[in-house]
Amino acid sequence: MSNFSTVIISNRLPVSVSRQDGELKFDASSGGLATAMSSLEVENKIWVGWPG
């Protein structure tokens, strides 16, 4: 185990965020990078991007 984190910076996040009944709802995004990166088992992962 290391003290390092994997930081992913992309245009879109691997989730879409919407508001439903006053609460935030997170749905997995489909498509290129989100699908490819979801298969990685990275424990310390930070994803920076736009929630769509």
Protein backbone atom coordinates (compact mmCIF):
# COMPACT_ATOMS: atom_id res chain seq x y z
CA MET A 1 0.00 0.00 0.00
CA SER A 2 1.37 3.41 -0.91
CA ASN A 3 0.64 6.92 0.26
CA PHE A 4 0.03 8.09 -3.30
CA SER A 5 -3.32 8.82 -4.94
CA THR A 6 -4.25 8.48 -8.57
CA VAL A 7 -5.65 11.78 -9.86
CA ILE A 8 -7.76 11.67 -13.03
CA ILE A 9 -8.60 14.98 -14.69
CA SER A 10 -11.17 14.83 -17.47
CA ASN A 11 -13.89 16.89 -19.09
CA ARG A 12 -16.64 14.71 -17.59
CA LEU A 13 -16.95 12.75 -14.36
CA PRO A 14 -17.85 9.04 -14.37
CA VAL A 15 -21.27 10.00 -12.98
CA SER A 16 -24.15 12.26 -13.99
CA VAL A 17 -25.66 14.30 -11.17
CA SER A 18 -29.30 15.37 -11.00
CA ARG A 19 -31.65 16.60 -8.31
CA GLN A 20 -34.70 14.44 -7.57
CA ASP A 21 -37.18 15.16 -4.77
CA GLY A 22 -34.74 17.65 -3.26
CA GLU A 23 -31.85 15.16 -3.13
CA LEU A 24 -28.85 14.63 -5.37
CA LYS A 25 -28.98 11.53 -7.56
CA PHE A 26 -25.80 10.00 -9.00
CA ASP A 27 -25.98 7.74 -12.07
CA ALA A 28 -23.01 6.04 -13.68
CA SER A 29 -22.01 7.57 -17.01
CA SER A 30 -21.52 5.42 -20.05
CA GLY A 31 -18.82 6.03 -22.57
CA GLY A 32 -15.12 5.91 -23.25
CA LEU A 33 -12.99 7.05 -20.35
CA ALA A 34 -15.58 6.44 -17.61
CA THR A 35 -16.06 2.83 -18.72
CA ALA A 36 -12.35 2.15 -19.14
CA MET A 37 -11.37 3.67 -15.80
CA SER A 38 -14.17 1.99 -13.84
CA SER A 39 -12.42 -1.34 -14.36
CA LEU A 40 -9.31 -0.16 -12.52
CA GLU A 41 -9.14 -1.18 -8.89
CA VAL A 42 -7.48 1.98 -7.58
CA GLU A 43 -8.09 2.53 -3.88
CA ASN A 44 -6.96 6.17 -3.59
CA LYS A 45 -8.58 7.68 -6.67
CA ILE A 46 -9.59 11.34 -7.12
CA TRP A 47 -11.56 12.24 -10.26
CA VAL A 48 -11.80 15.93 -11.19
CA GLY A 49 -14.26 17.01 -13.87
CA TRP A 50 -17.69 18.34 -14.80
CA PRO A 51 -20.71 16.33 -13.51
CA GLY A 52 -22.64 16.86 -16.74
